[in-house]
């Protein structure tokens, strides 16, 4: 005899499938939540690790910035020292030059010309003095022009005044500008021989 099942088996099967679906849906939601938490913690860990690396890099950059400042400061000090050394070397090289200038001034000075002031600014000389006549000033300028150590004379002022020494007569007070020069290479070779 055939068996006939009169129970509502379709309803039970439907309820069973619905329960399985809800269980699967709940399991999927729990799995998704766990995956989201794991992803959050993983990315949070990666971000924290990157922040730590960034902080280390910032500290290293700050240390390198300090070193760069020290290096720049040292380079500035070096440049100042080199500039000082160049000035000292230039002064050492020009030391004998002023002796030659004074010697040339004595040699170029004609009779009847008296110097009262000689001032040097860089290579420029200012020569102030008095002469018995204007022709003596002209002779001084010609002698300066022929000189090896002093050249390019430029007469600035000539004034005729009474003599300072109380003697009778007039004196021409003058101001001459000249440039300190060095003799040409031939003259230096002749001096060295």
N, C-alpha and C. Protein backbone atom coordinates (compact mmCIF):
# COMPACT_ATOMS: atom_id res chain seq x y z
N UNK A 1 0.78 -1.13 0.00
CA UNK A 1 0.00 0.00 0.00
C UNK A 1 0.86 1.25 0.00
N UNK A 2 0.40 2.08 -0.74
CA UNK A 2 1.17 3.30 -0.82
C UNK A 2 0.98 4.15 0.43
N UNK A 3 2.02 4.82 0.75
CA UNK A 3 1.94 5.70 1.91
C UNK A 3 1.66 7.11 1.44
N UNK A 4 0.79 7.72 2.08
CA UNK A 4 0.41 9.07 1.75
C UNK A 4 0.74 9.91 2.98
N UNK A 5 1.51 10.90 2.74
CA UNK A 5 1.87 11.80 3.83
C UNK A 5 0.94 12.99 3.73
N UNK A 6 0.15 13.18 4.70
CA UNK A 6 -0.82 14.25 4.70
C UNK A 6 -0.32 15.45 5.51
N UNK A 7 0.85 15.38 6.06
CA UNK A 7 1.38 16.49 6.82
C UNK A 7 1.79 17.64 5.86
N UNK A 8 1.75 18.83 6.35
CA UNK A 8 2.13 19.95 5.48
C UNK A 8 3.66 20.01 5.32
N UNK A 9 4.16 19.11 4.54
CA UNK A 9 5.60 18.99 4.38
C UNK A 9 6.21 20.16 3.61
N UNK A 10 5.40 20.74 2.73
CA UNK A 10 5.91 21.87 1.99
C UNK A 10 6.13 23.08 2.91
N UNK A 11 5.21 23.26 3.84
CA UNK A 11 5.38 24.37 4.79
C UNK A 11 6.60 24.16 5.66
N UNK A 12 6.81 22.94 6.07
CA UNK A 12 7.99 22.65 6.90
C UNK A 12 9.27 22.86 6.11
N UNK A 13 9.25 22.43 4.85
CA UNK A 13 10.42 22.60 4.01
C UNK A 13 10.70 24.09 3.77
N UNK A 14 9.63 24.84 3.56
CA UNK A 14 9.77 26.28 3.37
C UNK A 14 10.32 26.94 4.63
N UNK A 15 9.81 26.53 5.80
CA UNK A 15 10.30 27.09 7.07
C UNK A 15 11.77 26.70 7.30
N UNK A 16 12.06 25.48 6.93
CA UNK A 16 13.43 25.00 7.11
C UNK A 16 14.38 25.79 6.21
N UNK A 17 13.98 26.02 4.95
CA UNK A 17 14.82 26.78 4.02
C UNK A 17 14.95 28.24 4.47
N UNK A 18 13.84 28.81 4.99
CA UNK A 18 13.88 30.18 5.49
C UNK A 18 14.83 30.28 6.66
N UNK A 19 14.80 29.32 7.55
CA UNK A 19 15.70 29.31 8.71
C UNK A 19 17.16 29.17 8.26
N UNK A 20 17.38 28.31 7.26
CA UNK A 20 18.73 28.15 6.73
C UNK A 20 19.22 29.46 6.07
N UNK A 21 18.27 30.12 5.35
CA UNK A 21 18.63 31.39 4.70
C UNK A 21 18.99 32.45 5.74
N UNK A 22 18.16 32.54 6.80
CA UNK A 22 18.45 33.52 7.86
C UNK A 22 19.75 33.18 8.58
N UNK A 23 20.00 31.90 8.78
CA UNK A 23 21.24 31.49 9.43
C UNK A 23 22.43 31.84 8.53
N UNK A 24 22.27 31.58 7.22
CA UNK A 24 23.35 31.90 6.29
C UNK A 24 23.55 33.42 6.21
N UNK A 25 22.39 34.16 6.20
CA UNK A 25 22.48 35.62 6.17
C UNK A 25 23.14 36.15 7.44
N UNK A 26 22.79 35.60 8.58
CA UNK A 26 23.42 36.01 9.85
C UNK A 26 24.90 35.66 9.86
N UNK A 27 25.24 34.46 9.35
CA UNK A 27 26.64 34.04 9.28
C UNK A 27 27.43 34.95 8.35
N UNK A 28 26.80 35.32 7.22
CA UNK A 28 27.48 36.22 6.27
C UNK A 28 27.68 37.59 6.90
N UNK A 29 26.66 38.07 7.66
CA UNK A 29 26.78 39.38 8.32
C UNK A 29 27.89 39.34 9.37
N UNK A 30 27.94 38.25 10.13
CA UNK A 30 29.00 38.12 11.15
C UNK A 30 30.36 38.04 10.47
N UNK A 31 30.44 37.27 9.37
CA UNK A 31 31.71 37.15 8.66
C UNK A 31 32.11 38.50 8.07
N UNK A 32 31.13 39.24 7.51
CA UNK A 32 31.43 40.56 6.97
C UNK A 32 31.88 41.49 8.08
N UNK A 33 31.24 41.44 9.22
CA UNK A 33 31.66 42.28 10.36
C UNK A 33 33.06 41.94 10.81
N UNK A 34 33.35 40.65 10.87
CA UNK A 34 34.70 40.23 11.28
C UNK A 34 35.73 40.70 10.25
N UNK A 35 35.38 40.55 8.96
CA UNK A 35 36.29 41.01 7.91
C UNK A 35 36.50 42.52 7.99
N UNK A 36 35.41 43.28 8.24
CA UNK A 36 35.54 44.73 8.38
C UNK A 36 36.43 45.09 9.57
N UNK A 37 36.24 44.42 10.70
CA UNK A 37 37.09 44.68 11.86
C UNK A 37 38.55 44.34 11.58
N UNK A 38 38.75 43.17 10.94
CA UNK A 38 40.13 42.79 10.60
C UNK A 38 40.75 43.80 9.63
N UNK A 39 39.96 44.23 8.62
CA UNK A 39 40.45 45.23 7.68
C UNK A 39 40.75 46.55 8.38
N UNK A 40 39.85 46.96 9.30
CA UNK A 40 40.07 48.21 10.05
C UNK A 40 41.35 48.12 10.86
N UNK A 41 41.51 47.02 11.58
CA UNK A 41 42.72 46.87 12.40
C UNK A 41 43.98 46.78 11.53
N UNK A 42 43.87 46.09 10.39
CA UNK A 42 45.03 45.97 9.51
C UNK A 42 45.42 47.34 8.96
N UNK A 43 44.43 48.09 8.44
CA UNK A 43 44.75 49.41 7.90
C UNK A 43 45.18 50.37 9.00
N UNK A 44 44.59 50.26 10.17
CA UNK A 44 44.99 51.10 11.30
C UNK A 44 46.45 50.80 11.66
N UNK A 45 46.81 49.53 11.64
CA UNK A 45 48.19 49.15 11.93
C UNK A 45 49.14 49.69 10.86
N UNK A 46 48.73 49.60 9.60
CA UNK A 46 49.57 50.12 8.50
C UNK A 46 49.72 51.64 8.64
N UNK A 47 48.63 52.33 8.94
CA UNK A 47 48.67 53.79 9.09
C UNK A 47 49.56 54.19 10.27
N UNK A 48 49.41 53.46 11.40
CA UNK A 48 50.26 53.77 12.56
C UNK A 48 51.73 53.53 12.25
N UNK A 49 52.00 52.44 11.54
CA UNK A 49 53.38 52.15 11.16
C UNK A 49 53.93 53.27 10.25
N UNK A 50 53.11 53.73 9.30
CA UNK A 50 53.54 54.81 8.41
C UNK A 50 53.74 56.12 9.18
N UNK A 51 52.88 56.38 10.14
CA UNK A 51 53.05 57.58 10.98
C UNK A 51 54.36 57.51 11.75
N UNK A 52 54.66 56.32 12.29
CA UNK A 52 55.93 56.16 13.00
C UNK A 52 57.11 56.41 12.07
N UNK A 53 57.02 55.88 10.85
CA UNK A 53 58.09 56.10 9.87
C UNK A 53 58.19 57.58 9.53
N UNK A 54 57.04 58.24 9.37
CA UNK A 54 57.05 59.68 9.07
C UNK A 54 57.68 60.47 10.21
N UNK A 55 57.37 60.10 11.45
CA UNK A 55 57.97 60.79 12.60
C UNK A 55 59.48 60.60 12.63
N UNK A 56 59.92 59.38 12.33
CA UNK A 56 61.36 59.12 12.29
C UNK A 56 62.00 59.97 11.19
N UNK A 57 61.34 60.02 10.02
CA UNK A 57 61.87 60.83 8.93
C UNK A 57 61.89 62.31 9.29
N UNK A 58 60.86 62.80 9.98
CA UNK A 58 60.84 64.20 10.40
C UNK A 58 61.99 64.50 11.34
N UNK A 59 62.25 63.59 12.27
CA UNK A 59 63.37 63.78 13.19
C UNK A 59 64.69 63.80 12.44
N UNK A 60 64.85 62.89 11.49
CA UNK A 60 66.08 62.85 10.69
C UNK A 60 66.22 64.12 9.85
N UNK A 61 65.10 64.58 9.29
CA UNK A 61 65.14 65.80 8.49
C UNK A 61 65.53 66.99 9.35
N UNK A 62 64.98 67.04 10.58
CA UNK A 62 65.34 68.13 11.50
C UNK A 62 66.84 68.09 11.83
N UNK A 63 67.37 66.89 12.06
CA UNK A 63 68.80 66.77 12.35
C UNK A 63 69.63 67.19 11.14
N UNK A 64 69.18 66.79 9.93
CA UNK A 64 69.91 67.18 8.72
C UNK A 64 69.82 68.68 8.49
N UNK A 65 68.67 69.29 8.80
CA UNK A 65 68.54 70.74 8.67
C UNK A 65 69.54 71.45 9.59
N UNK A 66 69.69 70.94 10.81
CA UNK A 66 70.66 71.53 11.73
C UNK A 66 72.08 71.38 11.17
N UNK A 67 72.37 70.21 10.61
CA UNK A 67 73.70 70.00 10.03
C UNK A 67 73.92 70.93 8.84
N UNK A 68 72.88 71.10 8.03
CA UNK A 68 72.99 72.00 6.88
C UNK A 68 73.26 73.43 7.35
N UNK A 69 72.55 73.86 8.39
CA UNK A 69 72.79 75.20 8.94
C UNK A 69 74.23 75.33 9.44
N UNK A 70 74.73 74.28 10.10
CA UNK A 70 76.11 74.31 10.57
C UNK A 70 77.08 74.39 9.39
N UNK A 71 76.78 73.63 8.34
CA UNK A 71 77.65 73.63 7.17
C UNK A 71 77.63 75.01 6.50
N UNK A 72 76.44 75.60 6.38
CA UNK A 72 76.35 76.94 5.78
C UNK A 72 77.10 77.95 6.64
N UNK A 73 76.96 77.84 7.96
CA UNK A 73 77.68 78.74 8.86
C UNK A 73 79.19 78.56 8.71
N UNK A 74 79.63 77.31 8.61
CA UNK A 74 81.06 77.05 8.43
C UNK A 74 81.54 77.59 7.08
N UNK A 75 80.72 77.45 6.04
CA UNK A 75 81.11 77.97 4.74
C UNK A 75 81.22 79.50 4.77
N UNK A 76 80.30 80.16 5.49
CA UNK A 76 80.38 81.61 5.62
C UNK A 76 81.64 82.02 6.38
N UNK A 77 81.95 81.28 7.45
CA UNK A 77 83.17 81.56 8.19
C UNK A 77 84.40 81.35 7.30
N UNK A 78 84.35 80.29 6.50
CA UNK A 78 85.47 80.00 5.60
C UNK A 78 85.64 81.13 4.60
N UNK A 79 84.53 81.62 4.04
CA UNK A 79 84.61 82.72 3.07
C UNK A 79 85.16 83.98 3.73
N UNK A 80 84.72 84.26 4.96
CA UNK A 80 85.24 85.44 5.66
C UNK A 80 86.74 85.29 5.92
N UNK A 81 87.16 84.09 6.34
CA UNK A 81 88.58 83.86 6.59
C UNK A 81 89.39 83.97 5.30
N UNK A 82 88.85 83.43 4.21
CA UNK A 82 89.56 83.55 2.93
C UNK A 82 89.67 85.01 2.50
N UNK A 83 88.59 85.77 2.73
CA UNK A 83 88.63 87.20 2.38
C UNK A 83 89.69 87.91 3.22
N UNK A 84 89.75 87.58 4.52
CA UNK A 84 90.78 88.18 5.38
C UNK A 84 92.18 87.79 4.91
N UNK A 85 92.33 86.50 4.55
CA UNK A 85 93.64 86.06 4.09
C UNK A 85 94.04 86.78 2.81
N UNK A 86 93.07 87.00 1.92
CA UNK A 86 93.39 87.72 0.68
C UNK A 86 93.78 89.16 0.98
N UNK A 87 93.08 89.78 1.93
CA UNK A 87 93.43 91.16 2.30
C UNK A 87 94.83 91.21 2.89
N UNK A 88 95.13 90.25 3.76
CA UNK A 88 96.46 90.21 4.38
C UNK A 88 97.53 89.97 3.31
N UNK A 89 97.26 89.04 2.37
CA UNK A 89 98.22 88.80 1.30
C UNK A 89 98.41 90.05 0.45
N UNK A 90 97.30 90.73 0.15
CA UNK A 90 97.40 91.95 -0.64
C UNK A 90 98.21 93.01 0.10
N UNK A 91 97.98 93.13 1.41
CA UNK A 91 98.76 94.09 2.19
C UNK A 91 100.23 93.71 2.22
N UNK A 92 100.50 92.40 2.33
CA UNK A 92 101.89 91.96 2.33
C UNK A 92 102.56 92.26 0.99
N UNK A 93 101.81 92.06 -0.11
CA UNK A 93 102.38 92.34 -1.43
C UNK A 93 102.56 93.83 -1.65
N UNK A 94 101.64 94.65 -1.10
CA UNK A 94 101.73 96.10 -1.34
C UNK A 94 102.62 96.80 -0.34
N UNK A 95 103.11 96.08 0.64
CA UNK A 95 103.97 96.70 1.67
C UNK A 95 105.17 97.42 1.08
N UNK A 96 105.93 96.79 0.20
CA UNK A 96 107.08 97.52 -0.35
C UNK A 96 106.67 98.63 -1.31
N UNK A 97 105.43 98.59 -1.81
CA UNK A 97 104.98 99.59 -2.78
C UNK A 97 104.98 100.98 -2.21
N UNK A 98 104.55 101.17 -0.96
CA UNK A 98 104.49 102.51 -0.38
C UNK A 98 105.89 103.08 -0.19
N UNK A 99 106.84 102.20 0.08
CA UNK A 99 108.23 102.65 0.21
C UNK A 99 108.72 103.18 -1.14
N UNK A 100 108.37 102.46 -2.20
CA UNK A 100 108.75 102.92 -3.54
C UNK A 100 108.04 104.24 -3.87
N UNK A 101 106.79 104.38 -3.44
CA UNK A 101 106.04 105.61 -3.72
C UNK A 101 106.73 106.79 -3.03
N UNK A 102 107.07 106.64 -1.75
CA UNK A 102 107.75 107.74 -1.06
C UNK A 102 109.11 108.05 -1.69
N UNK A 103 109.81 107.00 -2.08
CA UNK A 103 111.09 107.21 -2.74
C UNK A 103 110.90 107.97 -4.06
N UNK A 104 109.90 107.60 -4.83
CA UNK A 104 109.62 108.29 -6.09
C UNK A 104 109.17 109.72 -5.85
N UNK A 105 108.38 109.94 -4.78
CA UNK A 105 107.97 111.32 -4.49
C UNK A 105 109.18 112.20 -4.21
N UNK A 106 110.15 111.66 -3.48
CA UNK A 106 111.37 112.42 -3.19
C UNK A 106 112.14 112.68 -4.48
N UNK A 107 112.20 111.71 -5.36
CA UNK A 107 112.94 111.86 -6.61
C UNK A 107 112.24 112.82 -7.57
N UNK A 108 110.92 112.84 -7.55
CA UNK A 108 110.19 113.71 -8.48
C UNK A 108 110.07 115.14 -7.97
N UNK A 109 110.42 115.39 -6.74
CA UNK A 109 110.25 116.71 -6.14
C UNK A 109 111.33 117.67 -6.65
N UNK A 110 110.97 118.68 -7.43
CA UNK A 110 111.99 119.65 -7.88
C UNK A 110 112.34 120.63 -6.76
N UNK A 111 113.43 121.34 -6.94
CA UNK A 111 113.83 122.35 -5.96
C UNK A 111 112.76 123.43 -5.89
N UNK A 112 112.50 123.91 -4.70
CA UNK A 112 111.54 124.99 -4.50
C UNK A 112 110.11 124.50 -4.31
N UNK A 113 109.91 123.17 -4.20
CA UNK A 113 108.58 122.60 -3.96
C UNK A 113 108.63 121.90 -2.62
N UNK A 114 107.63 122.19 -1.80
CA UNK A 114 107.56 121.62 -0.46
C UNK A 114 106.21 120.92 -0.32
N UNK A 115 106.24 119.68 0.15
CA UNK A 115 105.00 118.93 0.36
C UNK A 115 104.56 119.09 1.81
N UNK A 116 103.27 119.35 2.00
CA UNK A 116 102.73 119.47 3.36
C UNK A 116 101.87 118.28 3.74
N UNK A 117 101.35 117.59 2.74
CA UNK A 117 100.46 116.46 3.05
C UNK A 117 100.44 115.49 1.88
N UNK A 118 100.51 114.20 2.20
CA UNK A 118 100.35 113.14 1.21
C UNK A 118 99.36 112.15 1.80
N UNK A 119 98.27 111.93 1.08
CA UNK A 119 97.23 111.02 1.58
C UNK A 119 96.93 110.00 0.49
N UNK A 120 96.85 108.72 0.87
CA UNK A 120 96.57 107.65 -0.09
C UNK A 120 95.23 107.01 0.25
N UNK A 121 94.39 106.88 -0.76
CA UNK A 121 93.11 106.17 -0.64
C UNK A 121 93.08 105.14 -1.75
N UNK A 122 93.26 103.89 -1.39
CA UNK A 122 93.36 102.86 -2.42
C UNK A 122 94.62 103.08 -3.23
N UNK A 123 94.48 103.26 -4.52
CA UNK A 123 95.62 103.52 -5.40
C UNK A 123 95.78 105.02 -5.68
N UNK A 124 94.88 105.82 -5.18
CA UNK A 124 94.88 107.26 -5.46
C UNK A 124 95.67 108.02 -4.39
N UNK A 125 96.55 108.90 -4.84
CA UNK A 125 97.35 109.73 -3.95
C UNK A 125 96.89 111.18 -4.06
N UNK A 126 96.79 111.82 -2.92
CA UNK A 126 96.50 113.26 -2.89
C UNK A 126 97.74 113.94 -2.32
N UNK A 127 98.35 114.80 -3.13
CA UNK A 127 99.60 115.46 -2.75
C UNK A 127 99.30 116.95 -2.61
N UNK A 128 99.53 117.47 -1.41
CA UNK A 128 99.29 118.89 -1.13
C UNK A 128 100.62 119.51 -0.74
N UNK A 129 100.88 120.70 -1.27
CA UNK A 129 102.14 121.35 -0.95
C UNK A 129 102.17 122.78 -1.46
N UNK A 130 103.34 123.36 -1.41
CA UNK A 130 103.52 124.73 -1.91
C UNK A 130 104.80 124.77 -2.73
N UNK A 131 104.79 125.71 -3.67
CA UNK A 131 105.95 125.86 -4.56
C UNK A 131 106.27 127.33 -4.71
N UNK A 132 107.51 127.63 -5.07
CA UNK A 132 107.92 129.02 -5.24
C UNK A 132 107.26 129.65 -6.46
N UNK A 133 106.92 128.80 -7.45
CA UNK A 133 106.26 129.33 -8.64
C UNK A 133 105.42 128.23 -9.30
N UNK A 134 104.59 128.64 -10.25
CA UNK A 134 103.75 127.67 -10.95
C UNK A 134 104.59 126.77 -11.85
N UNK A 135 105.73 127.25 -12.32
CA UNK A 135 106.58 126.41 -13.17
C UNK A 135 107.15 125.23 -12.39
N UNK A 136 107.38 125.44 -11.11
CA UNK A 136 107.87 124.34 -10.27
C UNK A 136 106.78 123.27 -10.10
N UNK A 137 105.52 123.70 -10.02
CA UNK A 137 104.40 122.74 -9.94
C UNK A 137 104.33 121.96 -11.25
N UNK A 138 104.52 122.67 -12.38
CA UNK A 138 104.52 121.99 -13.68
C UNK A 138 105.65 120.98 -13.76
N UNK A 139 106.81 121.33 -13.23
CA UNK A 139 107.95 120.40 -13.23
C UNK A 139 107.64 119.18 -12.38
N UNK A 140 106.98 119.40 -11.24
CA UNK A 140 106.58 118.27 -10.39
C UNK A 140 105.64 117.35 -11.15
N UNK A 141 104.67 117.90 -11.85
CA UNK A 141 103.73 117.07 -12.60
C UNK A 141 104.41 116.30 -13.72
N UNK A 142 105.38 116.93 -14.42
CA UNK A 142 106.13 116.22 -15.46
C UNK A 142 106.94 115.08 -14.86
N UNK A 143 107.56 115.33 -13.72
CA UNK A 143 108.35 114.29 -13.05
C UNK A 143 107.46 113.13 -12.60
N UNK A 144 106.27 113.45 -12.08
CA UNK A 144 105.34 112.39 -11.66
C UNK A 144 104.92 111.57 -12.87
N UNK A 145 104.68 112.23 -13.98
CA UNK A 145 104.25 111.54 -15.19
C UNK A 145 105.33 110.59 -15.71
N UNK A 146 106.60 110.92 -15.51
CA UNK A 146 107.71 110.08 -15.96
C UNK A 146 108.02 108.95 -14.98
N UNK A 147 107.51 109.03 -13.77
CA UNK A 147 107.84 108.08 -12.70
C UNK A 147 107.26 106.69 -12.99
N UNK A 148 107.97 105.67 -12.46
CA UNK A 148 107.50 104.29 -12.60
C UNK A 148 106.46 103.93 -11.55
N UNK A 149 106.53 104.49 -10.37
CA UNK A 149 105.67 104.10 -9.26
C UNK A 149 104.50 105.05 -9.03
N UNK A 150 104.55 106.23 -9.58
CA UNK A 150 103.47 107.21 -9.44
C UNK A 150 103.20 107.75 -10.85
N UNK A 151 101.92 107.86 -11.20
CA UNK A 151 101.61 108.34 -12.54
C UNK A 151 100.25 109.01 -12.60
N UNK A 152 99.88 109.43 -13.80
CA UNK A 152 98.60 110.08 -14.08
C UNK A 152 98.35 111.29 -13.18
N UNK A 153 99.23 112.28 -13.21
CA UNK A 153 99.01 113.45 -12.34
C UNK A 153 97.83 114.27 -12.84
N UNK A 154 97.09 114.82 -11.88
CA UNK A 154 95.93 115.66 -12.20
C UNK A 154 95.96 116.84 -11.23
N UNK A 155 96.20 118.02 -11.76
CA UNK A 155 96.28 119.21 -10.92
C UNK A 155 94.87 119.66 -10.57
N UNK A 156 94.59 119.74 -9.28
CA UNK A 156 93.25 120.10 -8.82
C UNK A 156 93.17 121.58 -8.51
N UNK A 157 94.08 122.09 -7.69
CA UNK A 157 94.01 123.48 -7.24
C UNK A 157 95.41 124.08 -7.23
N UNK A 158 95.52 125.32 -7.71
CA UNK A 158 96.73 126.12 -7.54
C UNK A 158 96.27 127.50 -7.08
N UNK A 159 96.73 127.90 -5.89
CA UNK A 159 96.39 129.22 -5.35
C UNK A 159 97.67 129.94 -4.98
N UNK A 160 97.73 131.19 -5.32
CA UNK A 160 98.90 132.00 -4.97
C UNK A 160 98.58 132.68 -3.65
N UNK A 161 99.40 132.39 -2.63
CA UNK A 161 99.23 132.98 -1.29
C UNK A 161 100.57 133.47 -0.80
N UNK A 162 100.51 134.23 0.27
CA UNK A 162 101.78 134.71 0.84
C UNK A 162 102.49 133.51 1.47
N UNK A 163 103.78 133.57 1.50
CA UNK A 163 104.61 132.47 1.97
C UNK A 163 104.34 132.18 3.44
N UNK A 164 104.31 130.93 3.79
CA UNK A 164 104.02 130.52 5.17
C UNK A 164 105.22 130.73 6.09
N UNK A 165 106.36 130.74 5.50
CA UNK A 165 107.56 130.84 6.33
C UNK A 165 107.88 132.27 6.71
N UNK A 166 107.02 133.17 6.35
CA UNK A 166 107.22 134.55 6.74
C UNK A 166 108.18 135.30 5.85
N UNK A 167 108.67 134.64 4.80
CA UNK A 167 109.58 135.32 3.89
C UNK A 167 108.77 136.21 2.98
N UNK A 168 109.46 137.10 2.39
CA UNK A 168 108.78 137.97 1.42
C UNK A 168 108.50 137.17 0.16
N UNK A 169 107.45 137.47 -0.48
CA UNK A 169 107.13 136.79 -1.73
C UNK A 169 105.86 135.95 -1.58
N UNK A 170 105.50 135.43 -2.70
CA UNK A 170 104.28 134.64 -2.76
C UNK A 170 104.65 133.18 -3.02
N UNK A 171 103.75 132.28 -2.59
CA UNK A 171 103.95 130.85 -2.82
C UNK A 171 102.69 130.30 -3.49
N UNK A 172 102.87 129.36 -4.38
CA UNK A 172 101.73 128.70 -5.03
C UNK A 172 101.41 127.43 -4.26
N UNK A 173 100.24 127.44 -3.63
CA UNK A 173 99.80 126.23 -2.92
C UNK A 173 99.00 125.40 -3.90
N UNK A 174 99.27 124.08 -3.92
CA UNK A 174 98.67 123.22 -4.94
C UNK A 174 98.15 121.93 -4.31
N UNK A 175 97.26 121.31 -5.07
CA UNK A 175 96.78 119.96 -4.75
C UNK A 175 96.83 119.16 -6.05
N UNK A 176 97.59 118.08 -6.01
CA UNK A 176 97.75 117.22 -7.18
C UNK A 176 97.27 115.82 -6.79
N UNK A 177 96.47 115.24 -7.68
CA UNK A 177 96.05 113.85 -7.49
C UNK A 177 96.84 112.99 -8.46
N UNK A 178 97.29 111.82 -7.99
CA UNK A 178 98.04 110.89 -8.84
C UNK A 178 97.63 109.47 -8.47
N UNK A 179 98.05 108.52 -9.29
CA UNK A 179 97.73 107.12 -9.01
C UNK A 179 99.02 106.36 -8.76
N UNK A 180 98.95 105.44 -7.78
CA UNK A 180 100.10 104.58 -7.51
C UNK A 180 100.11 103.49 -8.58
N UNK A 181 101.21 103.33 -9.24
CA UNK A 181 101.35 102.31 -10.27
C UNK A 181 102.55 101.45 -9.94
N UNK A 182 102.69 100.37 -10.66
CA UNK A 182 103.90 99.56 -10.50
C UNK A 182 104.64 99.58 -11.82
N UNK A 183 105.94 99.47 -11.78
CA UNK A 183 106.70 99.53 -13.03
C UNK A 183 106.35 98.34 -13.91
N UNK A 184 106.61 98.48 -15.20
CA UNK A 184 106.30 97.39 -16.13
C UNK A 184 107.23 96.20 -15.91
N UNK A 185 106.97 95.12 -16.56
CA UNK A 185 107.70 93.86 -16.33
C UNK A 185 109.19 94.01 -16.65
N UNK A 186 109.52 94.82 -17.67
CA UNK A 186 110.94 94.99 -18.03
C UNK A 186 111.71 95.62 -16.88
N UNK A 187 111.09 96.62 -16.23
CA UNK A 187 111.78 97.28 -15.13
C UNK A 187 111.94 96.34 -13.94
N UNK A 188 110.94 95.47 -13.72
CA UNK A 188 111.06 94.50 -12.62
C UNK A 188 112.17 93.50 -12.89
N UNK A 189 112.32 93.08 -14.15
CA UNK A 189 113.37 92.14 -14.48
C UNK A 189 114.74 92.80 -14.30
N UNK A 190 114.85 94.08 -14.68
CA UNK A 190 116.13 94.77 -14.52
C UNK A 190 116.47 94.92 -13.05
N UNK A 191 115.49 95.18 -12.19
CA UNK A 191 115.76 95.32 -10.74
C UNK A 191 116.19 93.99 -10.15
N UNK A 192 115.58 92.88 -10.61
CA UNK A 192 115.93 91.58 -10.05
C UNK A 192 117.33 91.14 -10.45
N UNK A 193 117.84 91.63 -11.59
CA UNK A 193 119.20 91.27 -12.03
C UNK A 193 120.17 92.14 -11.33
